[in-house]
């Protein structure tokens, strides 16, 4: 099992920034990728960004997040971050951390952290 704990959400004004953290624990050796998804009220969960847990650390972003959001990792801390800049009210959602094991096809989710962008 893998446990994912998110932190860093909160209330921020439009144009502001937040950094989310996701700490992984448990059976983390075979995790291949970690990422962030978000779900706004009444909408489906959508991809925000993914990072491969390889030496190259390849990343992939949803088009609407490119240039504003940055995903990164700290392997020593088993933690993935999401730096969010130039936040807009449309970014308001619950943000979920995700971990994937390709060999078993297993996906793990955190409990989510609320991000609210409002003046």
Protein backbone atom coordinates (compact mmCIF):
# COMPACT_ATOMS: atom_id res chain seq x y z
CA UNK A 1 0.00 0.00 0.00
CA UNK A 2 0.98 3.58 -0.62
CA UNK A 3 -0.18 6.48 1.51
CA UNK A 4 -0.30 9.98 0.05
CA UNK A 5 -0.75 13.05 2.23
CA UNK A 6 -1.36 16.42 0.62
CA UNK A 7 -0.82 19.79 2.23
CA UNK A 8 -0.56 23.44 1.26
CA UNK A 9 -4.06 24.25 0.11
CA UNK A 10 -5.97 27.30 1.25
CA UNK A 11 -7.54 30.58 0.26
CA UNK A 12 -5.62 32.88 -2.07
CA UNK A 13 -6.51 36.02 -4.01
CA UNK A 14 -6.57 36.03 -7.81
CA UNK A 15 -3.05 36.41 -9.14
CA UNK A 16 -1.57 34.83 -6.05
CA UNK A 17 0.48 31.68 -5.58
CA UNK A 18 0.35 28.47 -3.58
CA UNK A 19 2.61 25.45 -3.30
CA UNK A 20 1.06 22.07 -2.69
CA UNK A 21 3.01 19.15 -1.26
CA UNK A 22 2.36 15.43 -1.45
CA UNK A 23 4.32 13.12 0.81
CA UNK A 24 4.33 9.43 -0.09
CA UNK A 25 4.93 6.61 2.34
CA UNK A 26 4.52 2.85 2.50
CA UNK A 27 5.35 0.64 -0.47
CA UNK A 28 6.81 3.42 -2.60
CA UNK A 29 9.71 1.59 -4.26
CA UNK A 30 7.82 0.62 -7.39
CA UNK A 31 5.98 3.89 -7.97
CA UNK A 32 6.62 4.99 -11.57
CA UNK A 33 4.90 8.38 -11.67
CA UNK A 34 3.17 10.85 -9.40
CA UNK A 35 0.91 13.69 -10.26
CA UNK A 36 -1.80 16.12 -9.38
CA UNK A 37 -5.43 16.12 -10.41
CA UNK A 38 -8.20 18.49 -9.46
CA UNK A 39 -11.96 18.40 -9.17
CA UNK A 40 -14.18 21.44 -9.07
CA UNK A 41 -17.77 21.24 -7.79
CA UNK A 42 -20.03 19.56 -10.31
CA UNK A 43 -17.15 18.71 -12.62
CA UNK A 44 -15.09 15.64 -13.39
CA UNK A 45 -11.65 15.14 -11.95
CA UNK A 46 -9.04 16.40 -14.41
CA UNK A 47 -5.32 16.07 -14.85
CA UNK A 48 -3.14 18.95 -13.72
CA UNK A 49 0.40 17.60 -14.06
CA UNK A 50 2.42 14.39 -13.87
CA UNK A 51 6.09 13.73 -13.19
CA UNK A 52 7.97 10.50 -13.85
CA UNK A 53 10.02 9.15 -10.98
CA UNK A 54 12.97 8.43 -13.23
CA UNK A 55 16.34 10.14 -13.41
CA UNK A 56 15.02 12.29 -16.23
CA UNK A 57 11.91 13.28 -14.32
CA UNK A 58 9.82 13.89 -17.41
CA UNK A 59 6.77 16.06 -16.85
CA UNK A 60 3.43 16.54 -18.53
CA UNK A 61 0.93 19.32 -17.98
CA UNK A 62 -2.64 19.97 -18.94
CA UNK A 63 -2.70 22.74 -21.52
CA UNK A 64 -4.47 25.25 -19.28
CA UNK A 65 -1.79 24.89 -16.58
CA UNK A 66 1.28 25.25 -18.78
CA UNK A 67 3.33 28.27 -17.84
CA UNK A 68 1.49 28.82 -14.56
CA UNK A 69 1.98 25.54 -12.69
CA UNK A 70 5.21 23.63 -12.07
CA UNK A 71 5.46 20.08 -10.78
CA UNK A 72 8.67 18.97 -9.08
CA UNK A 73 9.92 16.26 -6.78
CA UNK A 74 12.31 15.66 -3.90
CA UNK A 75 13.27 12.00 -4.03
CA UNK A 76 15.02 12.15 -0.66
CA UNK A 77 11.77 13.26 0.95
CA UNK A 78 9.49 11.10 -1.21
CA UNK A 79 7.57 14.28 -1.90
CA UNK A 80 6.10 15.86 -4.99
CA UNK A 81 5.25 19.54 -5.20
CA UNK A 82 2.93 21.66 -7.30
CA UNK A 83 3.86 25.32 -7.52
CA UNK A 84 0.84 27.30 -8.69
CA UNK A 85 1.28 30.89 -9.85
CA UNK A 86 -1.09 33.45 -11.35
CA UNK A 87 -4.02 31.67 -9.82
CA UNK A 88 -7.47 32.34 -11.19
CA UNK A 89 -10.93 31.77 -9.69
CA UNK A 90 -11.31 28.94 -12.20
CA UNK A 91 -8.49 27.11 -10.41
CA UNK A 92 -10.71 26.67 -7.37
CA UNK A 93 -11.00 22.93 -6.74
CA UNK A 94 -9.97 20.07 -4.53
CA UNK A 95 -6.49 19.03 -5.59
CA UNK A 96 -5.61 15.35 -5.33
CA UNK A 97 -2.22 13.70 -5.34
CA UNK A 98 -1.87 10.54 -7.41
CA UNK A 99 0.73 7.77 -7.61
CA UNK A 100 0.91 5.08 -10.24
CA UNK A 101 2.56 1.67 -10.43
CA UNK A 102 2.68 0.69 -14.08
CA UNK A 103 3.61 -2.97 -13.54
CA UNK A 104 0.51 -3.70 -11.49
CA UNK A 105 -1.73 -1.04 -12.96
CA UNK A 106 -2.39 0.30 -9.46
CA UNK A 107 -3.30 3.90 -8.78
CA UNK A 108 -3.28 5.54 -5.36
CA UNK A 109 -4.97 8.76 -4.29
CA UNK A 110 -4.54 11.19 -1.47
CA UNK A 111 -7.43 12.66 0.48
CA UNK A 112 -7.30 15.96 -1.37
CA UNK A 113 -6.61 19.53 -0.37
CA UNK A 114 -8.92 22.46 -1.05
CA UNK A 115 -7.67 25.41 -3.08
CA UNK A 116 -9.93 28.44 -3.23
CA UNK A 117 -9.08 31.45 -5.37
CA UNK A 118 -11.24 34.40 -4.44
CA UNK A 119 -11.04 38.07 -3.60
